[in-house]
């Protein structure tokens, strides 16, 4: 079934950091590639058996230098990361076995 704008009450509203995302995509961490579309936010699922239920997600925020990284810790379960636009999720430094999702508007 194709997208129907008549069924989308938010279709004419301008996107903002606080508006619901229009897209949700799975992220494959990479040490060489930025995200194809920078994320307005990230969500992560950490299985309980990953690193004792505490994981690390290494990111580069949109406004940071190419080699700047921030390690964000996350507990077991599905949760948002701190509100920050992200351009890269690094493979090195990110715990294995996580599911990372980028929220975008396009």
C-alpha atoms as a PDB file:
ATOM      1  CA  UNK A   1       0.000   0.000   0.000  1.00  0.00           C
ATOM      2  CA  UNK A   2       1.546   3.379  -0.953  1.00  0.00           C
ATOM      3  CA  UNK A   3       1.963   6.310   1.404  1.00  0.00           C
ATOM      4  CA  UNK A   4      -1.254   8.356   1.658  1.00  0.00           C
ATOM      5  CA  UNK A   5      -0.723  11.998   2.739  1.00  0.00           C
ATOM      6  CA  UNK A   6      -4.450  12.282   3.489  1.00  0.00           C
ATOM      7  CA  UNK A   7      -3.911   9.853   6.381  1.00  0.00           C
ATOM      8  CA  UNK A   8      -0.887  11.728   7.728  1.00  0.00           C
ATOM      9  CA  UNK A   9      -1.968  14.622   9.985  1.00  0.00           C
ATOM     10  CA  UNK A  10       1.677  15.741  10.424  1.00  0.00           C
ATOM     11  CA  UNK A  11       2.594  15.848   6.730  1.00  0.00           C
ATOM     12  CA  UNK A  12       2.371  19.630   6.389  1.00  0.00           C
ATOM     13  CA  UNK A  13       4.179  20.531   9.593  1.00  0.00           C
ATOM     14  CA  UNK A  14       7.772  21.668   9.654  1.00  0.00           C
ATOM     15  CA  UNK A  15      10.247  19.213  11.150  1.00  0.00           C
ATOM     16  CA  UNK A  16      12.018  20.240  14.347  1.00  0.00           C
ATOM     17  CA  UNK A  17      14.199  18.572  16.958  1.00  0.00           C
ATOM     18  CA  UNK A  18      11.167  18.084  19.188  1.00  0.00           C
ATOM     19  CA  UNK A  19       8.772  16.835  16.515  1.00  0.00           C
ATOM     20  CA  UNK A  20       8.217  13.107  15.958  1.00  0.00           C
ATOM     21  CA  UNK A  21      10.681  11.611  13.499  1.00  0.00           C
ATOM     22  CA  UNK A  22       9.494  10.774  10.003  1.00  0.00           C
ATOM     23  CA  UNK A  23      11.947   7.865   9.598  1.00  0.00           C
ATOM     24  CA  UNK A  24      13.578   5.234  11.769  1.00  0.00           C
ATOM     25  CA  UNK A  25      16.529   3.289  10.358  1.00  0.00           C
ATOM     26  CA  UNK A  26      18.848   0.648  11.742  1.00  0.00           C
ATOM     27  CA  UNK A  27      22.452   1.831  12.055  1.00  0.00           C
ATOM     28  CA  UNK A  28      25.509  -0.222  11.181  1.00  0.00           C
ATOM     29  CA  UNK A  29      28.427   1.248  13.142  1.00  0.00           C
ATOM     30  CA  UNK A  30      31.417   2.238  10.984  1.00  0.00           C
ATOM     31  CA  UNK A  31      34.859   3.692  11.611  1.00  0.00           C
ATOM     32  CA  UNK A  32      35.036   5.133   8.079  1.00  0.00           C
ATOM     33  CA  UNK A  33      31.552   6.320   7.094  1.00  0.00           C
ATOM     34  CA  UNK A  34      29.191   8.932   8.508  1.00  0.00           C
ATOM     35  CA  UNK A  35      25.481   8.146   8.586  1.00  0.00           C
ATOM     36  CA  UNK A  36      23.857   8.705   5.159  1.00  0.00           C
ATOM     37  CA  UNK A  37      21.477  11.180   6.851  1.00  0.00           C
ATOM     38  CA  UNK A  38      22.580  12.667  10.160  1.00  0.00           C
ATOM     39  CA  UNK A  39      20.338  11.496  13.000  1.00  0.00           C
ATOM     40  CA  UNK A  40      18.310  13.916  15.075  1.00  0.00           C
ATOM     41  CA  UNK A  41      18.526  11.311  17.855  1.00  0.00           C
ATOM     42  CA  UNK A  42      19.535   7.707  18.499  1.00  0.00           C
ATOM     43  CA  UNK A  43      17.818   4.871  20.312  1.00  0.00           C
ATOM     44  CA  UNK A  44      19.652   1.736  21.374  1.00  0.00           C
ATOM     45  CA  UNK A  45      18.618  -1.727  22.478  1.00  0.00           C
ATOM     46  CA  UNK A  46      21.098  -3.370  24.843  1.00  0.00           C
ATOM     47  CA  UNK A  47      20.470  -7.084  25.482  1.00  0.00           C
ATOM     48  CA  UNK A  48      20.995  -8.117  29.112  1.00  0.00           C
ATOM     49  CA  UNK A  49      23.786 -10.501  28.105  1.00  0.00           C
ATOM     50  CA  UNK A  50      25.877  -7.750  26.458  1.00  0.00           C
ATOM     51  CA  UNK A  51      28.787  -6.692  28.655  1.00  0.00           C
ATOM     52  CA  UNK A  52      26.860  -7.403  31.823  1.00  0.00           C
ATOM     53  CA  UNK A  53      23.936  -5.275  30.656  1.00  0.00           C
ATOM     54  CA  UNK A  54      25.963  -2.069  30.341  1.00  0.00           C
ATOM     55  CA  UNK A  55      27.046  -1.052  26.844  1.00  0.00           C
ATOM     56  CA  UNK A  56      29.087   1.723  25.258  1.00  0.00           C
ATOM     57  CA  UNK A  57      28.033   3.542  22.094  1.00  0.00           C
ATOM     58  CA  UNK A  58      30.807   5.680  20.572  1.00  0.00           C
ATOM     59  CA  UNK A  59      29.452   8.615  18.563  1.00  0.00           C
ATOM     60  CA  UNK A  60      30.546  11.768  16.785  1.00  0.00           C
ATOM     61  CA  UNK A  61      28.029  14.603  17.242  1.00  0.00           C
ATOM     62  CA  UNK A  62      27.095  16.663  14.171  1.00  0.00           C
ATOM     63  CA  UNK A  63      28.976  19.782  15.286  1.00  0.00           C
ATOM     64  CA  UNK A  64      32.187  18.044  16.377  1.00  0.00           C
ATOM     65  CA  UNK A  65      35.517  17.578  14.594  1.00  0.00           C
ATOM     66  CA  UNK A  66      35.975  14.467  12.436  1.00  0.00           C
ATOM     67  CA  UNK A  67      38.056  12.672  15.065  1.00  0.00           C
ATOM     68  CA  UNK A  68      36.013  13.780  18.092  1.00  0.00           C
ATOM     69  CA  UNK A  69      34.196  10.973  19.877  1.00  0.00           C
ATOM     70  CA  UNK A  70      31.928  10.676  22.874  1.00  0.00           C
ATOM     71  CA  UNK A  71      31.349   7.373  24.634  1.00  0.00           C
ATOM     72  CA  UNK A  72      27.774   7.090  25.866  1.00  0.00           C
ATOM     73  CA  UNK A  73      26.878   4.340  28.322  1.00  0.00           C
ATOM     74  CA  UNK A  74      23.540   2.543  28.172  1.00  0.00           C
ATOM     75  CA  UNK A  75      21.890  -0.005  30.439  1.00  0.00           C
ATOM     76  CA  UNK A  76      20.026  -3.102  29.299  1.00  0.00           C
ATOM     77  CA  UNK A  77      16.777  -2.503  27.428  1.00  0.00           C
ATOM     78  CA  UNK A  78      15.502  -0.111  24.755  1.00  0.00           C
ATOM     79  CA  UNK A  79      16.195   3.554  25.432  1.00  0.00           C
ATOM     80  CA  UNK A  80      16.987   6.904  23.855  1.00  0.00           C
ATOM     81  CA  UNK A  81      20.507   8.239  24.077  1.00  0.00           C
ATOM     82  CA  UNK A  82      20.961  11.805  25.339  1.00  0.00           C
ATOM     83  CA  UNK A  83      19.378  14.295  22.905  1.00  0.00           C
ATOM     84  CA  UNK A  84      22.140  15.029  20.416  1.00  0.00           C
ATOM     85  CA  UNK A  85      22.338  15.094  16.635  1.00  0.00           C
ATOM     86  CA  UNK A  86      24.748  12.378  15.513  1.00  0.00           C
ATOM     87  CA  UNK A  87      26.721  11.986  12.311  1.00  0.00           C
ATOM     88  CA  UNK A  88      28.687   8.799  13.077  1.00  0.00           C
ATOM     89  CA  UNK A  89      28.308   5.716  15.240  1.00  0.00           C
ATOM     90  CA  UNK A  90      31.750   4.138  15.536  1.00  0.00           C
ATOM     91  CA  UNK A  91      32.351   0.395  15.266  1.00  0.00           C
ATOM     92  CA  UNK A  92      35.460   0.570  17.450  1.00  0.00           C
ATOM     93  CA  UNK A  93      34.479   1.531  20.960  1.00  0.00           C
ATOM     94  CA  UNK A  94      30.838   0.472  20.491  1.00  0.00           C
ATOM     95  CA  UNK A  95      29.853  -2.717  22.296  1.00  0.00           C
ATOM     96  CA  UNK A  96      29.040  -5.648  20.020  1.00  0.00           C
ATOM     97  CA  UNK A  97      25.517  -7.070  19.923  1.00  0.00           C
ATOM     98  CA  UNK A  98      23.585  -3.791  20.177  1.00  0.00           C
ATOM     99  CA  UNK A  99      20.737  -2.631  17.980  1.00  0.00           C
ATOM    100  CA  UNK A 100      21.128   1.082  17.217  1.00  0.00           C
ATOM    101  CA  UNK A 101      18.413   3.127  15.502  1.00  0.00           C
ATOM    102  CA  UNK A 102      18.645   6.601  13.971  1.00  0.00           C
ATOM    103  CA  UNK A 103      15.661   8.933  14.002  1.00  0.00           C
ATOM    104  CA  UNK A 104      15.575  11.240  10.973  1.00  0.00           C
ATOM    105  CA  UNK A 105      13.136  13.440   9.102  1.00  0.00           C
ATOM    106  CA  UNK A 106      14.240  12.459   5.594  1.00  0.00           C
END
